[in-house]
């Protein structure tokens, strides 16, 4: 089986006042792919002073180049499940020249690639077009709704529609879908022009739009002190199962179980934390959840 590729910036995250730790799609996707023993390659950029923080101990092959700086966030988890993010240091976007050069060499054996964007600046449309060349491309919805500016992260819908011209699979969180004004039904999700869209709903599961249909997929609820990275883990597992020809709803069910296992393991290591009662469920909107009723097609 050809390796599944994940490309994105490694971040430094300060979670709930803790010390900076590795984050971003490369780190969390690698956790899921290692658990599944799926052939994979991670492609990333990180500042030279941060290369020794464990990047090459992820359990999957890593191809990296130095960056002028490492993107960094401050994340606070509240007891009611709400989370606040602050972008403290901007990252270094991916260029067309990189996509055609050393990145193309790193992706030479991959036919599926996930672009794990952290902000709207990470992957310009032309860079995505290069990444997709000869491959299926998945994109994290943060590339649409998260501005690349320092300070509190506030989502908006001011993205370049050309980005979606190169996307085969789009992953959104419920908050991102709300920011885009989307309902969780066929008409609304189909309006994006992307064949396959996955909207994660925290511990409630997800809605999968594929083959013109939107379907609600349940997940086993789980209370954890820190859900950081769960979306990246879910998407890596989802693509792994899709790569192995599972249906979109089937891949979502299996991916939810992978995340449940990973979050359970993480929660067990933080049982002594004073924030251990925080839930993994992000805030939801009544409007979105009405169309995700599990008793009907979404």
Protein backbone atom coordinates (compact mmCIF):
# COMPACT_ATOMS: atom_id res chain seq x y z
CA UNK A 1 0.00 0.00 0.00
CA UNK A 2 1.29 3.44 -0.91
CA UNK A 3 1.93 5.79 2.03
CA UNK A 4 -0.64 8.34 3.12
CA UNK A 5 1.04 11.75 3.28
CA UNK A 6 0.33 14.50 5.79
CA UNK A 7 1.75 17.95 5.15
CA UNK A 8 1.48 20.86 7.52
CA UNK A 9 3.29 23.05 9.99
CA UNK A 10 4.28 21.67 13.36
CA UNK A 11 3.06 24.03 16.06
CA UNK A 12 4.14 24.79 19.60
CA UNK A 13 1.07 24.77 21.87
CA UNK A 14 0.82 26.07 25.41
CA UNK A 15 -2.26 24.27 26.73
CA UNK A 16 -3.93 25.36 29.98
CA UNK A 17 -0.85 27.22 31.10
CA UNK A 18 1.52 24.31 30.53
CA UNK A 19 4.92 24.28 28.89
CA UNK A 20 5.09 24.51 25.07
CA UNK A 21 4.54 21.13 23.39
CA UNK A 22 4.41 19.87 19.83
CA UNK A 23 1.10 20.12 18.03
CA UNK A 24 -0.43 20.58 14.61
CA UNK A 25 -1.64 18.04 12.07
CA UNK A 26 1.78 16.36 11.55
CA UNK A 27 2.04 15.46 15.23
CA UNK A 28 -1.52 14.29 15.88
CA UNK A 29 -2.06 12.62 12.51
CA UNK A 30 1.13 10.62 13.09
CA UNK A 31 -0.31 9.33 16.39
CA UNK A 32 -3.34 7.89 14.59
CA UNK A 33 -1.43 6.49 11.63
CA UNK A 34 1.10 4.85 13.93
CA UNK A 35 -1.73 3.21 15.89
CA UNK A 36 -3.24 1.91 12.63
CA UNK A 37 0.16 0.82 11.28
CA UNK A 38 -0.74 2.61 8.05
CA UNK A 39 2.22 3.42 5.75
CA UNK A 40 2.68 7.17 6.04
CA UNK A 41 5.01 10.09 5.56
CA UNK A 42 4.87 13.42 7.38
CA UNK A 43 6.12 16.54 5.61
CA UNK A 44 6.64 19.65 7.72
CA UNK A 45 8.65 22.78 8.46
CA UNK A 46 9.87 23.87 11.89
CA UNK A 47 12.33 26.41 13.25
CA UNK A 48 15.81 24.98 13.77
CA UNK A 49 15.71 25.57 17.53
CA UNK A 50 12.57 23.41 17.81
CA UNK A 51 13.75 20.38 15.82
CA UNK A 52 14.85 18.54 18.95
CA UNK A 53 11.46 18.59 20.66
CA UNK A 54 10.61 15.05 19.51
CA UNK A 55 9.60 15.58 15.89
CA UNK A 56 11.49 12.49 14.72
CA UNK A 57 10.06 10.30 17.47
CA UNK A 58 6.54 10.28 16.00
CA UNK A 59 6.77 6.69 14.80
CA UNK A 60 6.35 7.52 11.09
CA UNK A 61 8.87 8.80 8.54
CA UNK A 62 9.30 12.57 8.72
CA UNK A 63 10.67 14.85 6.00
CA UNK A 64 11.29 18.35 7.31
CA UNK A 65 13.03 21.59 6.40
CA UNK A 66 13.97 24.55 8.58
CA UNK A 67 11.51 27.41 8.90
CA UNK A 68 12.23 30.95 9.98
CA UNK A 69 9.86 30.46 12.91
CA UNK A 70 7.51 27.90 14.44
CA UNK A 71 3.82 28.76 14.58
CA UNK A 72 2.60 28.82 18.18
CA UNK A 73 -0.73 28.90 20.02
CA UNK A 74 -2.05 29.38 23.53
CA UNK A 75 -5.04 27.11 24.21
CA UNK A 76 -7.35 27.25 27.21
CA UNK A 77 -9.89 24.50 27.93
CA UNK A 78 -12.84 25.52 30.09
CA UNK A 79 -14.86 23.24 32.38
CA UNK A 80 -18.03 23.68 30.30
CA UNK A 81 -16.30 22.36 27.16
CA UNK A 82 -15.56 25.71 25.58
CA UNK A 83 -12.07 26.45 24.32
CA UNK A 84 -10.21 29.64 23.52
CA UNK A 85 -7.22 29.91 21.19
CA UNK A 86 -4.69 32.66 20.72
CA UNK A 87 -2.23 32.70 17.84
CA UNK A 88 1.01 33.89 19.42
CA UNK A 89 3.49 33.41 16.56
CA UNK A 90 2.66 33.28 12.86
CA UNK A 91 3.92 30.38 10.79
CA UNK A 92 5.65 30.23 7.44
CA UNK A 93 3.31 29.51 4.49
CA UNK A 94 3.99 26.76 1.96
CA UNK A 95 5.13 28.06 -1.41
CA UNK A 96 4.59 26.79 -4.94
CA UNK A 97 8.36 26.40 -5.28
CA UNK A 98 8.44 24.08 -2.25
CA UNK A 99 5.46 22.11 -3.53
CA UNK A 100 7.25 21.58 -6.84
CA UNK A 101 10.63 20.89 -5.24
CA UNK A 102 11.54 19.06 -2.04
CA UNK A 103 7.89 18.49 -1.08
CA UNK A 104 7.16 16.81 -4.44
CA UNK A 105 10.12 14.50 -3.82
CA UNK A 106 8.81 13.63 -0.35
CA UNK A 107 5.34 12.87 -1.77
CA UNK A 108 6.58 10.91 -4.78
CA UNK A 109 5.20 7.58 -3.54
CA UNK A 110 1.93 8.89 -2.06
CA UNK A 111 -1.38 8.99 -3.90
CA UNK A 112 -3.34 10.55 -1.01
CA UNK A 113 -2.24 13.69 0.84
CA UNK A 114 -3.81 15.61 3.70
CA UNK A 115 -3.01 19.32 3.98
CA UNK A 116 -3.30 20.09 7.68
CA UNK A 117 -3.65 23.84 7.61
CA UNK A 118 -3.50 25.87 10.81
CA UNK A 119 -4.42 29.21 9.24
CA UNK A 120 -5.76 30.58 5.98
CA UNK A 121 -2.25 31.59 4.88
CA UNK A 122 -0.70 28.12 5.11
CA UNK A 123 -1.66 26.77 1.68
CA UNK A 124 -2.23 29.23 -1.20
CA UNK A 125 -4.40 27.82 -4.04
CA UNK A 126 -1.42 27.39 -6.37
CA UNK A 127 0.44 25.34 -3.74
CA UNK A 128 -2.61 23.13 -3.24
CA UNK A 129 -2.82 22.60 -7.00
CA UNK A 130 0.75 21.29 -6.96
CA UNK A 131 0.14 19.04 -3.97
CA UNK A 132 -2.88 17.52 -5.68
CA UNK A 133 -1.06 16.75 -8.91
CA UNK A 134 -1.55 12.99 -9.44
CA UNK A 135 -3.09 12.57 -5.97
CA UNK A 136 -6.27 12.91 -3.96
CA UNK A 137 -6.11 15.95 -1.70
CA UNK A 138 -7.74 16.42 1.68
CA UNK A 139 -7.80 19.82 3.38
CA UNK A 140 -8.44 20.96 6.94
CA UNK A 141 -11.14 23.65 7.11
CA UNK A 142 -8.91 25.92 9.16
CA UNK A 143 -7.54 26.86 5.75
CA UNK A 144 -10.88 28.57 5.08
CA UNK A 145 -11.94 30.22 8.31
CA UNK A 146 -8.90 30.95 10.51
CA UNK A 147 -7.20 34.29 9.72
CA UNK A 148 -3.41 34.43 9.83
CA UNK A 149 -3.07 37.19 12.39
CA UNK A 150 -1.70 37.25 15.90
CA UNK A 151 -4.14 37.46 18.77
CA UNK A 152 -7.36 35.67 19.74
CA UNK A 153 -8.54 33.30 17.01
CA UNK A 154 -11.86 34.48 15.60
CA UNK A 155 -13.29 32.51 12.67
CA UNK A 156 -14.73 34.17 9.57
CA UNK A 157 -15.70 33.19 6.03
CA UNK A 158 -13.37 35.50 4.10
CA UNK A 159 -11.54 32.79 2.14
CA UNK A 160 -10.48 32.54 -1.49
CA UNK A 161 -12.97 30.20 -3.26
CA UNK A 162 -10.13 29.09 -5.55
CA UNK A 163 -8.79 27.02 -2.64
CA UNK A 164 -11.65 24.53 -2.95
CA UNK A 165 -11.04 23.96 -6.65
CA UNK A 166 -8.21 21.62 -5.72
CA UNK A 167 -9.84 19.73 -2.83
CA UNK A 168 -11.28 16.21 -2.95
CA UNK A 169 -12.07 15.85 0.77
CA UNK A 170 -12.74 18.72 3.16
CA UNK A 171 -12.74 18.39 6.95
CA UNK A 172 -14.66 20.98 8.98
CA UNK A 173 -15.45 21.29 12.65
CA UNK A 174 -18.96 22.36 13.58
CA UNK A 175 -17.69 25.82 14.51
CA UNK A 176 -16.05 26.13 11.10
CA UNK A 177 -19.24 25.02 9.34
CA UNK A 178 -21.15 27.62 11.34
CA UNK A 179 -18.64 30.32 10.40
CA UNK A 180 -19.23 29.44 6.74
CA UNK A 181 -23.00 29.63 7.22
CA UNK A 182 -23.49 25.97 6.37
CA UNK A 183 -26.34 23.68 7.34
CA UNK A 184 -25.55 20.01 7.77
CA UNK A 185 -27.57 18.80 4.80
CA UNK A 186 -26.94 17.78 1.20
CA UNK A 187 -27.87 21.11 -0.37
CA UNK A 188 -25.73 23.24 1.93
CA UNK A 189 -22.66 21.02 2.10
CA UNK A 190 -22.91 20.33 -1.61
CA UNK A 191 -22.80 24.08 -2.30
CA UNK A 192 -19.08 24.04 -1.48
CA UNK A 193 -18.41 22.12 -4.69
CA UNK A 194 -16.31 19.49 -2.88
CA UNK A 195 -17.28 15.86 -3.44
CA UNK A 196 -16.66 14.74 0.13
CA UNK A 197 -17.08 16.82 3.29
CA UNK A 198 -16.71 15.64 6.88
CA UNK A 199 -18.06 17.87 9.66
CA UNK A 200 -16.95 16.79 13.13
CA UNK A 201 -19.35 17.42 16.02
CA UNK A 202 -17.11 16.64 18.98
CA UNK A 203 -18.29 13.75 21.09
CA UNK A 204 -21.62 13.75 19.23
CA UNK A 205 -19.94 12.23 16.16
CA UNK A 206 -19.87 13.74 12.69
CA UNK A 207 -21.82 14.34 9.50
CA UNK A 208 -20.36 12.88 6.31
CA UNK A 209 -21.33 14.21 2.89
CA UNK A 210 -20.36 11.86 0.05
CA UNK A 211 -21.96 10.62 -3.16
CA UNK A 212 -24.51 13.42 -2.87
CA UNK A 213 -25.80 12.26 0.53
CA UNK A 214 -25.19 13.56 4.05
CA UNK A 215 -25.25 11.03 6.88
CA UNK A 216 -24.97 11.47 10.63
CA UNK A 217 -22.48 9.10 12.29
CA UNK A 218 -22.55 8.66 16.06
CA UNK A 219 -19.49 8.51 18.29
CA UNK A 220 -19.04 7.16 21.80
CA UNK A 221 -19.08 10.17 24.19
CA UNK A 222 -15.93 10.68 26.20
CA UNK A 223 -15.04 13.32 28.78
CA UNK A 224 -11.36 14.28 28.62
CA UNK A 225 -9.37 17.16 30.10
CA UNK A 226 -7.90 18.23 26.75
CA UNK A 227 -9.27 17.38 23.28
CA UNK A 228 -6.46 19.18 21.41
CA UNK A 229 -5.59 17.33 18.22
CA UNK A 230 -8.67 15.08 18.17
CA UNK A 231 -9.76 16.47 14.80
CA UNK A 232 -6.36 15.78 13.26
CA UNK A 233 -6.36 12.25 14.66
CA UNK A 234 -9.87 11.66 13.35
CA UNK A 235 -9.04 12.87 9.85
CA UNK A 236 -5.87 10.82 9.58
CA UNK A 237 -7.77 7.70 10.61
CA UNK A 238 -10.69 8.56 8.32
CA UNK A 239 -8.40 8.91 5.31
CA UNK A 240 -6.61 5.70 6.23
CA UNK A 241 -9.88 3.80 6.09
CA UNK A 242 -11.03 5.57 2.93
CA UNK A 243 -7.69 4.73 1.36
CA UNK A 244 -8.51 1.08 2.15
CA UNK A 245 -11.86 1.39 0.32
CA UNK A 246 -14.21 1.72 3.28
CA UNK A 247 -17.35 3.75 2.63
CA UNK A 248 -17.35 7.33 3.91
CA UNK A 249 -19.78 6.60 6.81
CA UNK A 250 -17.94 3.38 7.64
CA UNK A 251 -14.60 5.18 7.67
CA UNK A 252 -16.07 7.83 9.99
CA UNK A 253 -17.32 5.20 12.45
CA UNK A 254 -13.97 3.46 12.55
CA UNK A 255 -12.08 6.76 12.82
CA UNK A 256 -14.23 7.77 15.79
CA UNK A 257 -13.16 4.60 17.57
CA UNK A 258 -9.51 5.38 16.90
CA UNK A 259 -9.93 8.85 18.42
CA UNK A 260 -11.78 7.37 21.39
CA UNK A 261 -8.84 5.07 22.03
CA UNK A 262 -6.26 7.84 21.68
CA UNK A 263 -8.19 10.29 23.87
CA UNK A 264 -8.71 7.62 26.51
CA UNK A 265 -4.97 6.98 26.63
CA UNK A 266 -4.27 10.72 26.88
CA UNK A 267 -6.89 11.20 29.60
CA UNK A 268 -5.40 8.43 31.70
CA UNK A 269 -2.08 10.27 31.72
CA UNK A 270 -3.69 13.47 33.00
CA UNK A 271 -6.02 12.16 35.72
CA UNK A 272 -4.20 14.21 38.33
CA UNK A 273 -4.71 17.43 36.42
CA UNK A 274 -6.95 20.02 38.14
CA UNK A 275 -8.65 20.53 34.76
CA UNK A 276 -9.54 16.83 34.40
CA UNK A 277 -13.28 17.48 34.29
CA UNK A 278 -13.14 19.37 31.01
CA UNK A 279 -15.20 17.65 28.31
CA UNK A 280 -14.15 16.82 24.77
CA UNK A 281 -17.37 18.23 23.36
CA UNK A 282 -17.09 21.66 21.71
CA UNK A 283 -19.99 24.11 21.82
CA UNK A 284 -22.78 23.30 19.38
CA UNK A 285 -25.45 25.35 17.71
CA UNK A 286 -29.08 24.33 17.72
CA UNK A 287 -29.33 25.19 14.05
CA UNK A 288 -26.60 22.74 13.08
CA UNK A 289 -27.69 19.92 15.34
CA UNK A 290 -31.29 19.96 14.12
CA UNK A 291 -30.15 18.83 10.68
CA UNK A 292 -27.85 16.20 12.22
CA UNK A 293 -30.65 14.26 13.91
CA UNK A 294 -29.45 10.64 14.00
CA UNK A 295 -32.91 9.37 13.18
CA UNK A 296 -32.86 10.96 9.72
CA UNK A 297 -30.57 11.59 6.83
CA UNK A 298 -28.60 14.73 7.60
